[in-house]
PDB file of N, CA and C in Angstrom:
ATOM      1  N   MET A   1     123.941  22.601 -84.015  1.00  0.00           N
ATOM      2  CA  MET A   1     125.038  22.003 -84.781  1.00  0.00           C
ATOM      3  C   MET A   1     125.201  20.860 -83.849  1.00  0.00           C
ATOM      4  N   LEU A   2     125.573  19.710 -84.338  1.00  0.00           N
ATOM      5  CA  LEU A   2     125.792  18.518 -83.756  1.00  0.00           C
ATOM      6  C   LEU A   2     127.303  18.051 -84.074  1.00  0.00           C
ATOM      7  N   LEU A   3     128.422  18.282 -83.097  1.00  0.00           N
ATOM      8  CA  LEU A   3     129.594  17.556 -83.312  1.00  0.00           C
ATOM      9  C   LEU A   3     129.656  16.194 -82.920  1.00  0.00           C
ATOM     10  N   PRO A   4     130.732  15.555 -83.626  1.00  0.00           N
ATOM     11  CA  PRO A   4     130.986  14.422 -83.336  1.00  0.00           C
ATOM     12  C   PRO A   4     131.084  13.892 -81.650  1.00  0.00           C
ATOM     13  N   GLY A   5     130.467  12.955 -81.494  1.00  0.00           N
ATOM     14  CA  GLY A   5     130.360  12.681 -79.980  1.00  0.00           C
ATOM     15  C   GLY A   5     129.264  13.112 -79.213  1.00  0.00           C
ATOM     16  N   SER A   6     128.663  14.111 -79.954  1.00  0.00           N
ATOM     17  CA  SER A   6     127.428  14.734 -79.047  1.00  0.00           C
ATOM     18  C   SER A   6     125.961  13.920 -79.218  1.00  0.00           C
ATOM     19  N   ASP A   7     125.108  14.077 -78.337  1.00  0.00           N
ATOM     20  CA  ASP A   7     124.136  12.878 -78.042  1.00  0.00           C
ATOM     21  C   ASP A   7     123.387  12.474 -79.437  1.00  0.00           C
ATOM     22  N   ASP A   8     122.955  13.503 -80.349  1.00  0.00           N
ATOM     23  CA  ASP A   8     122.278  12.918 -81.405  1.00  0.00           C
ATOM     24  C   ASP A   8     123.230  12.953 -82.726  1.00  0.00           C
ATOM     25  N   TYR A   9     124.368  12.976 -82.723  1.00  0.00           N
ATOM     26  CA  TYR A   9     125.043  13.346 -84.032  1.00  0.00           C
ATOM     27  C   TYR A   9     125.315  11.717 -84.742  1.00  0.00           C
ATOM     28  N   ASP A  10     125.604  10.931 -83.941  1.00  0.00           N
ATOM     29  CA  ASP A  10     125.688   9.423 -84.474  1.00  0.00           C
ATOM     30  C   ASP A  10     124.382   8.662 -85.334  1.00  0.00           C
ATOM     31  N   GLU A  11     123.324   9.147 -84.605  1.00  0.00           N
ATOM     32  CA  GLU A  11     121.919   8.661 -85.114  1.00  0.00           C
ATOM     33  C   GLU A  11     121.562   9.509 -86.536  1.00  0.00           C
ATOM     34  N   LEU A  12     121.987  10.884 -86.369  1.00  0.00           N
ATOM     35  CA  LEU A  12     121.660  11.535 -87.742  1.00  0.00           C
ATOM     36  C   LEU A  12     122.696  11.422 -88.515  1.00  0.00           C
ATOM     37  N   HIS A  13     124.033  11.206 -88.152  1.00  0.00           N
ATOM     38  CA  HIS A  13     125.070  10.769 -89.204  1.00  0.00           C
ATOM     39  C   HIS A  13     124.890   9.820 -89.963  1.00  0.00           C
ATOM     40  N   ARG A  14     124.294   8.738 -89.490  1.00  0.00           N
ATOM     41  CA  ARG A  14     123.984   7.393 -90.209  1.00  0.00           C
ATOM     42  C   ARG A  14     122.934   7.641 -91.277  1.00  0.00           C
ATOM     43  N   ARG A  15     122.146   8.458 -91.302  1.00  0.00           N
ATOM     44  CA  ARG A  15     121.257   8.690 -92.060  1.00  0.00           C
ATOM     45  C   ARG A  15     121.695   9.383 -93.561  1.00  0.00           C
ATOM     46  N   PHE A  16     122.980   9.540 -93.639  1.00  0.00           N
ATOM     47  CA  PHE A  16     123.454  10.284 -94.904  1.00  0.00           C
ATOM     48  C   PHE A  16     124.262   9.053 -95.612  1.00  0.00           C
ATOM     49  N   ASP A  17     124.211   9.114 -96.929  1.00  0.00           N
ATOM     50  CA  ASP A  17     125.017   8.098 -97.704  1.00  0.00           C
ATOM     51  C   ASP A  17     126.339   8.691 -97.899  1.00  0.00           C
ATOM     52  N   LEU A  18     127.243   8.655 -96.824  1.00  0.00           N
ATOM     53  CA  LEU A  18     128.476   9.134 -97.157  1.00  0.00           C
ATOM     54  C   LEU A  18     129.428   8.318 -98.259  1.00  0.00           C
ATOM     55  N   ALA A  19     128.956   7.365 -98.475  1.00  0.00           N
ATOM     56  CA  ALA A  19     129.919   6.608 -99.670  1.00  0.00           C
ATOM     57  C   ALA A  19     129.589   7.233-101.149  1.00  0.00           C
ATOM     58  N   ALA A  20     128.483   7.933-101.169  1.00  0.00           N
ATOM     59  CA  ALA A  20     128.189   8.756-102.527  1.00  0.00           C
ATOM     60  C   ALA A  20     128.961   9.930-102.354  1.00  0.00           C
ATOM     61  N   ILE A  21     129.379  10.523-101.418  1.00  0.00           N
ATOM     62  CA  ILE A  21     130.192  11.754-101.332  1.00  0.00           C
ATOM     63  C   ILE A  21     131.743  11.362-101.263  1.00  0.00           C
ATOM     64  N   PRO A  22     132.594  11.590-101.975  1.00  0.00           N
ATOM     65  CA  PRO A  22     134.054  11.544-101.956  1.00  0.00           C
ATOM     66  C   PRO A  22     134.775  12.305-101.026  1.00  0.00           C
ATOM     67  N   GLY A  23     135.215  11.361 -99.768  1.00  0.00           N
ATOM     68  CA  GLY A  23     136.263  11.795 -98.889  1.00  0.00           C
ATOM     69  C   GLY A  23     135.201  12.397 -97.750  1.00  0.00           C
ATOM     70  N   ALA A  24     134.150  12.113 -97.886  1.00  0.00           N
ATOM     71  CA  ALA A  24     133.093  12.476 -96.718  1.00  0.00           C
ATOM     72  C   ALA A  24     133.196  11.800 -95.286  1.00  0.00           C
ATOM     73  N   GLU A  25     133.654  10.431 -95.595  1.00  0.00           N
ATOM     74  CA  GLU A  25     134.053   9.863 -93.999  1.00  0.00           C
ATOM     75  C   GLU A  25     135.183  10.261 -93.631  1.00  0.00           C
ATOM     76  N   HIS A  26     136.033  10.916 -94.265  1.00  0.00           N
ATOM     77  CA  HIS A  26     137.251  11.631 -93.764  1.00  0.00           C
ATOM     78  C   HIS A  26     137.031  13.039 -93.069  1.00  0.00           C
ATOM     79  N   ALA A  27     136.082  13.848 -93.768  1.00  0.00           N
ATOM     80  CA  ALA A  27     136.203  15.119 -93.686  1.00  0.00           C
ATOM     81  C   ALA A  27     134.878  15.620 -93.001  1.00  0.00           C
ATOM     82  N   THR A  28     133.886  14.675 -92.570  1.00  0.00           N
ATOM     83  CA  THR A  28     132.503  15.208 -92.059  1.00  0.00           C
ATOM     84  C   THR A  28     132.943  15.669 -90.701  1.00  0.00           C
ATOM     85  N   ARG A  29     132.405  17.132 -90.456  1.00  0.00           N
ATOM     86  CA  ARG A  29     132.902  17.879 -89.088  1.00  0.00           C
ATOM     87  C   ARG A  29     131.683  17.691 -87.944  1.00  0.00           C
ATOM     88  N   ALA A  30     130.302  17.915 -88.702  1.00  0.00           N
ATOM     89  CA  ALA A  30     129.252  18.127 -88.074  1.00  0.00           C
ATOM     90  C   ALA A  30     127.833  18.011 -88.842  1.00  0.00           C
ATOM     91  N   VAL A  31     126.735  17.776 -88.138  1.00  0.00           N
ATOM     92  CA  VAL A  31     125.381  17.615 -88.451  1.00  0.00           C
ATOM     93  C   VAL A  31     124.901  18.821 -88.262  1.00  0.00           C
ATOM     94  N   ILE A  32     124.517  19.808 -89.104  1.00  0.00           N
ATOM     95  CA  ILE A  32     123.553  20.883 -89.068  1.00  0.00           C
ATOM     96  C   ILE A  32     122.114  20.610 -88.854  1.00  0.00           C
ATOM     97  N   ARG A  33     121.492  20.828 -87.824  1.00  0.00           N
ATOM     98  CA  ARG A  33     120.037  20.718 -87.635  1.00  0.00           C
ATOM     99  C   ARG A  33     119.118  21.840 -87.578  1.00  0.00           C
ATOM    100  N   VAL A  34     118.355  22.064 -88.587  1.00  0.00           N
ATOM    101  CA  VAL A  34     117.467  23.220 -88.712  1.00  0.00           C
ATOM    102  C   VAL A  34     115.893  22.850 -88.348  1.00  0.00           C
ATOM    103  N   GLU A  35     115.329  24.083 -88.091  1.00  0.00           N
ATOM    104  CA  GLU A  35     113.962  23.886 -88.146  1.00  0.00           C
ATOM    105  C   GLU A  35     113.219  24.861 -88.836  1.00  0.00           C
ATOM    106  N   VAL A  36     112.542  24.441 -89.785  1.00  0.00           N
ATOM    107  CA  VAL A  36     112.161  25.097 -90.940  1.00  0.00           C
ATOM    108  C   VAL A  36     110.693  25.583 -90.464  1.00  0.00           C
ATOM    109  N   GLU A  37     110.377  26.578 -90.649  1.00  0.00           N
ATOM    110  CA  GLU A  37     109.034  27.187 -90.609  1.00  0.00           C
ATOM    111  C   GLU A  37     108.288  27.443 -91.595  1.00  0.00           C
ATOM    112  N   ARG A  38     108.929  27.724 -92.916  1.00  0.00           N
ATOM    113  CA  ARG A  38     108.117  27.726 -94.085  1.00  0.00           C
ATOM    114  C   ARG A  38     109.098  27.782 -95.231  1.00  0.00           C
ATOM    115  N   ILE A  39     108.537  26.820 -96.390  1.00  0.00           N
ATOM    116  CA  ILE A  39     109.323  27.005 -97.387  1.00  0.00           C
ATOM    117  C   ILE A  39     108.356  27.283 -98.580  1.00  0.00           C
ATOM    118  N   ALA A  40     109.054  28.269 -99.525  1.00  0.00           N
ATOM    119  CA  ALA A  40     108.160  28.949-100.562  1.00  0.00           C
ATOM    120  C   ALA A  40     109.089  28.819-101.921  1.00  0.00           C
ATOM    121  N   ASP A  41     108.198  28.842-102.952  1.00  0.00           N
ATOM    122  CA  ASP A  41     109.312  28.968-104.234  1.00  0.00           C
ATOM    123  C   ASP A  41     108.480  29.793-105.077  1.00  0.00           C
ATOM    124  N   SER A  42     108.992  30.209-106.374  1.00  0.00           N
ATOM    125  CA  SER A  42     108.476  31.060-107.208  1.00  0.00           C
ATOM    126  C   SER A  42     107.310  30.061-107.901  1.00  0.00           C
ATOM    127  N   CYS A  43     106.930  30.538-108.974  1.00  0.00           N
ATOM    128  CA  CYS A  43     105.866  29.628-109.930  1.00  0.00           C
ATOM    129  C   CYS A  43     106.635  28.667-110.577  1.00  0.00           C
ATOM    130  N   GLY A  44     107.819  29.016-111.124  1.00  0.00           N
ATOM    131  CA  GLY A  44     108.744  27.948-111.858  1.00  0.00           C
ATOM    132  C   GLY A  44     108.421  27.780-113.097  1.00  0.00           C
ATOM    133  N   TYR A  45     107.234  28.788-113.628  1.00  0.00           N
ATOM    134  CA  TYR A  45     106.930  28.433-115.400  1.00  0.00           C
ATOM    135  C   TYR A  45     108.378  28.780-116.077  1.00  0.00           C
ATOM    136  N   GLY A  46     109.151  29.675-115.895  1.00  0.00           N
ATOM    137  CA  GLY A  46     110.269  29.934-116.644  1.00  0.00           C
ATOM    138  C   GLY A  46     111.508  29.250-116.471  1.00  0.00           C
ATOM    139  N   VAL A  47     111.406  28.430-115.365  1.00  0.00           N
ATOM    140  CA  VAL A  47     112.592  27.673-114.994  1.00  0.00           C
ATOM    141  C   VAL A  47     112.615  26.179-115.744  1.00  0.00           C
ATOM    142  N   PRO A  48     113.999  26.154-116.432  1.00  0.00           N
ATOM    143  CA  PRO A  48     113.991  24.909-117.486  1.00  0.00           C
ATOM    144  C   PRO A  48     114.186  23.833-116.771  1.00  0.00           C
ATOM    145  N   LEU A  49     113.776  22.650-117.144  1.00  0.00           N
ATOM    146  CA  LEU A  49     113.906  21.355-116.760  1.00  0.00           C
ATOM    147  C   LEU A  49     115.343  20.759-116.932  1.00  0.00           C
ATOM    148  N   LEU A  50     115.900  20.201-115.820  1.00  0.00           N
ATOM    149  CA  LEU A  50     117.195  19.784-115.785  1.00  0.00           C
ATOM    150  C   LEU A  50     117.287  18.339-115.187  1.00  0.00           C
ATOM    151  N   ALA A  51     118.246  17.568-115.803  1.00  0.00           N
ATOM    152  CA  ALA A  51     118.290  16.284-115.538  1.00  0.00           C
ATOM    153  C   ALA A  51     119.893  15.915-115.077  1.00  0.00           C
ATOM    154  N   PHE A  52     119.850  14.966-114.049  1.00  0.00           N
ATOM    155  CA  PHE A  52     121.289  14.420-113.353  1.00  0.00           C
ATOM    156  C   PHE A  52     121.742  13.689-114.538  1.00  0.00           C
ATOM    157  N   GLU A  53     122.995  13.648-115.114  1.00  0.00           N
ATOM    158  CA  GLU A  53     123.561  12.854-115.806  1.00  0.00           C
ATOM    159  C   GLU A  53     124.607  11.894-115.295  1.00  0.00           C
ATOM    160  N   ALA A  54     125.446  12.629-114.535  1.00  0.00           N
ATOM    161  CA  ALA A  54     126.453  11.709-113.821  1.00  0.00           C
ATOM    162  C   ALA A  54     127.234  12.428-112.921  1.00  0.00           C
ATOM    163  N   HIS A  55     127.921  11.800-111.891  1.00  0.00           N
ATOM    164  CA  HIS A  55     128.830  12.460-110.961  1.00  0.00           C
ATOM    165  C   HIS A  55     130.205  12.884-111.705  1.00  0.00           C
ATOM    166  N   ARG A  56     130.627  14.078-111.485  1.00  0.00           N
ATOM    167  CA  ARG A  56     131.888  14.379-111.880  1.00  0.00           C
ATOM    168  C   ARG A  56     133.182  13.779-111.290  1.00  0.00           C
ATOM    169  N   PRO A  57     134.103  13.284-112.040  1.00  0.00           N
ATOM    170  CA  PRO A  57     135.222  12.467-111.424  1.00  0.00           C
ATOM    171  C   PRO A  57     136.046  13.042-110.452  1.00  0.00           C
ATOM    172  N   GLN A  58     136.294  14.426-110.769  1.00  0.00           N
ATOM    173  CA  GLN A  58     137.172  15.283-110.208  1.00  0.00           C
ATOM    174  C   GLN A  58     137.404  15.117-108.564  1.00  0.00           C
ATOM    175  N   ALA A  59     136.320  15.241-108.095  1.00  0.00           N
ATOM    176  CA  ALA A  59     136.442  14.851-106.202  1.00  0.00           C
ATOM    177  C   ALA A  59     136.733  13.566-105.564  1.00  0.00           C
ATOM    178  N   GLU A  60     136.546  12.509-106.408  1.00  0.00           N
ATOM    179  CA  GLU A  60     136.688  11.227-106.193  1.00  0.00           C
ATOM    180  C   GLU A  60     138.095  10.750-106.442  1.00  0.00           C
ATOM    181  N   ALA A  61     138.898  11.313-107.732  1.00  0.00           N
ATOM    182  CA  ALA A  61     140.069  11.435-107.985  1.00  0.00           C
ATOM    183  C   ALA A  61     140.925  12.076-107.018  1.00  0.00           C
ATOM    184  N   TRP A  62     140.636  13.367-106.545  1.00  0.00           N
ATOM    185  CA  TRP A  62     141.497  13.994-105.559  1.00  0.00           C
ATOM    186  C   TRP A  62     141.531  13.420-104.309  1.00  0.00           C
ATOM    187  N   VAL A  63     140.490  12.794-103.884  1.00  0.00           N
ATOM    188  CA  VAL A  63     140.216  12.352-102.577  1.00  0.00           C
ATOM    189  C   VAL A  63     141.157  10.936-102.712  1.00  0.00           C
ATOM    190  N   ALA A  64     141.236  10.204-103.714  1.00  0.00           N
ATOM    191  CA  ALA A  64     142.033   8.985-103.844  1.00  0.00           C
ATOM    192  C   ALA A  64     143.430   9.261-103.893  1.00  0.00           C
ATOM    193  N   HIS A  65     143.890  10.477-104.416  1.00  0.00           N
ATOM    194  CA  HIS A  65     145.108  10.863-104.693  1.00  0.00           C
ATOM    195  C   HIS A  65     145.552  11.359-103.029  1.00  0.00           C
ATOM    196  N   MET A  66     145.028  12.144-102.590  1.00  0.00           N
ATOM    197  CA  MET A  66     145.163  12.519-101.118  1.00  0.00           C
ATOM    198  C   MET A  66     145.794  11.311-100.158  1.00  0.00           C
ATOM    199  N   LEU A  67     144.598  10.319-100.182  1.00  0.00           N
ATOM    200  CA  LEU A  67     144.799   9.313 -99.526  1.00  0.00           C
ATOM    201  C   LEU A  67     145.834   8.576 -99.699  1.00  0.00           C
ATOM    202  N   ALA A  68     146.193   8.193-101.016  1.00  0.00           N
ATOM    203  CA  ALA A  68     147.462   7.296-101.551  1.00  0.00           C
ATOM    204  C   ALA A  68     148.758   7.960-101.259  1.00  0.00           C
ATOM    205  N   GLU A  69     148.794   9.347-101.907  1.00  0.00           N
ATOM    206  CA  GLU A  69     150.191  10.050-101.533  1.00  0.00           C
ATOM    207  C   GLU A  69     150.550  10.605-100.382  1.00  0.00           C
ATOM    208  N   ARG A  70     149.475  10.914 -99.577  1.00  0.00           N
ATOM    209  CA  ARG A  70     149.912  11.585 -98.477  1.00  0.00           C
ATOM    210  C   ARG A  70     149.388  10.693 -97.178  1.00  0.00           C
ATOM    211  N   GLU A  71     149.187   9.421 -97.363  1.00  0.00           N
ATOM    212  CA  GLU A  71     149.032   8.639 -96.178  1.00  0.00           C
ATOM    213  C   GLU A  71     147.901   8.852 -95.382  1.00  0.00           C
ATOM    214  N   ALA A  72     146.775   9.077 -96.040  1.00  0.00           N
ATOM    215  CA  ALA A  72     145.485   9.253 -95.100  1.00  0.00           C
ATOM    216  C   ALA A  72     145.301  10.636 -94.369  1.00  0.00           C
ATOM    217  N   SER A  73     145.946  11.475 -95.187  1.00  0.00           N
ATOM    218  CA  SER A  73     146.159  12.941 -94.484  1.00  0.00           C
ATOM    219  C   SER A  73     145.434  13.765 -94.744  1.00  0.00           C
ATOM    220  N   LEU A  74     144.142  13.070 -95.285  1.00  0.00           N
ATOM    221  CA  LEU A  74     142.749  14.399 -95.447  1.00  0.00           C
ATOM    222  C   LEU A  74     142.196  14.950 -94.253  1.00  0.00           C
ATOM    223  N   PRO A  75     142.195  14.450 -93.019  1.00  0.00           N
ATOM    224  CA  PRO A  75     141.711  15.130 -92.010  1.00  0.00           C
ATOM    225  C   PRO A  75     142.678  16.257 -91.743  1.00  0.00           C
ATOM    226  N   ALA A  76     144.013  15.908 -92.073  1.00  0.00           N
ATOM    227  CA  ALA A  76     144.950  17.225 -91.668  1.00  0.00           C
ATOM    228  C   ALA A  76     144.859  18.291 -92.636  1.00  0.00           C
ATOM    229  N   TYR A  77     144.886  17.839 -93.914  1.00  0.00           N
ATOM    230  CA  TYR A  77     144.476  18.720 -95.156  1.00  0.00           C
ATOM    231  C   TYR A  77     143.059  19.717 -94.581  1.00  0.00           C
ATOM    232  N   ALA A  78     142.253  18.982 -94.354  1.00  0.00           N
ATOM    233  CA  ALA A  78     140.993  19.852 -94.357  1.00  0.00           C
ATOM    234  C   ALA A  78     141.131  20.801 -92.843  1.00  0.00           C
ATOM    235  N   ALA A  79     141.802  20.257 -91.955  1.00  0.00           N
ATOM    236  CA  ALA A  79     141.976  21.094 -90.620  1.00  0.00           C
ATOM    237  C   ALA A  79     142.738  22.428 -91.269  1.00  0.00           C
ATOM    238  N   LYS A  80     143.850  22.377 -91.854  1.00  0.00           N
ATOM    239  CA  LYS A  80     144.747  23.290 -92.388  1.00  0.00           C
ATOM    240  C   LYS A  80     143.982  24.344 -93.443  1.00  0.00           C
ATOM    241  N   HIS A  81     143.625  23.753 -94.320  1.00  0.00           N
ATOM    242  CA  HIS A  81     143.016  24.611 -95.389  1.00  0.00           C
ATOM    243  C   HIS A  81     141.265  24.884 -95.288  1.00  0.00           C
ATOM    244  N   ASN A  82     140.775  24.264 -94.454  1.00  0.00           N
ATOM    245  CA  ASN A  82     139.232  24.524 -94.198  1.00  0.00           C
ATOM    246  C   ASN A  82     138.933  25.220 -92.681  1.00  0.00           C
ATOM    247  N   ALA A  83     139.878  25.797 -92.279  1.00  0.00           N
ATOM    248  CA  ALA A  83     140.073  26.594 -91.086  1.00  0.00           C
ATOM    249  C   ALA A  83     139.015  27.942 -90.975  1.00  0.00           C
ATOM    250  N   GLU A  84     138.656  28.407 -92.233  1.00  0.00           N
ATOM    251  CA  GLU A  84     137.588  29.404 -92.132  1.00  0.00           C
ATOM    252  C   GLU A  84     136.751  29.347 -93.580  1.00  0.00           C
ATOM    253  N   SER A  85     135.677  29.757 -93.746  1.00  0.00           N
ATOM    254  CA  SER A  85     135.067  29.894 -94.663  1.00  0.00           C
ATOM    255  C   SER A  85     135.489  30.891 -95.508  1.00  0.00           C
ATOM    256  N   ILE A  86     134.939  30.858 -96.927  1.00  0.00           N
ATOM    257  CA  ILE A  86     135.249  31.994 -97.940  1.00  0.00           C
ATOM    258  C   ILE A  86     135.266  33.288 -97.439  1.00  0.00           C
ATOM    259  N   ASP A  87     134.290  33.542 -96.464  1.00  0.00           N
ATOM    260  CA  ASP A  87     134.295  35.051 -96.039  1.00  0.00           C
ATOM    261  C   ASP A  87     134.752  35.176 -94.889  1.00  0.00           C
ATOM    262  N   GLY A  88     135.724  34.166 -94.443  1.00  0.00           N
ATOM    263  CA  GLY A  88     136.274  34.582 -93.090  1.00  0.00           C
ATOM    264  C   GLY A  88     135.973  34.361 -91.989  1.00  0.00           C
ATOM    265  N   MET A  89     134.861  33.473 -91.868  1.00  0.00           N
ATOM    266  CA  MET A  89     134.509  33.137 -90.398  1.00  0.00           C
ATOM    267  C   MET A  89     134.761  31.749 -90.051  1.00  0.00           C
ATOM    268  N   PRO A  90     135.195  31.633 -88.887  1.00  0.00           N
ATOM    269  CA  PRO A  90     135.674  30.352 -88.186  1.00  0.00           C
ATOM    270  C   PRO A  90     134.971  28.977 -88.858  1.00  0.00           C
ATOM    271  N   ALA A  91     135.642  28.036 -89.092  1.00  0.00           N
ATOM    272  CA  ALA A  91     135.110  26.710 -89.570  1.00  0.00           C
ATOM    273  C   ALA A  91     134.973  25.862 -88.387  1.00  0.00           C
ATOM    274  N   LEU A  92     134.298  24.754 -88.501  1.00  0.00           N
ATOM    275  CA  LEU A  92     134.127  23.988 -87.522  1.00  0.00           C
ATOM    276  C   LEU A  92     135.258  22.942 -87.389  1.00  0.00           C
TER     277      LEU A  92
END
């Protein structure tokens, strides 16, 4: 796990298109680096084809509201409401 300010964080963080993720520039807390040894899937014969149609507008609208109404308090909101995962584990 690479936290802001660590050696490789900035280099890896730049590889992500954060503009495509509403609020990410305000709420990105870490880059998780994993070493994958094996990737496997099932045959997939019964899996339907899916196609991307569009991004849903809710996340972008919520971030715009948070930044406009609460004077750029999105990091404070994330710190308060995202302090632990849904299973109770401490968050970053």
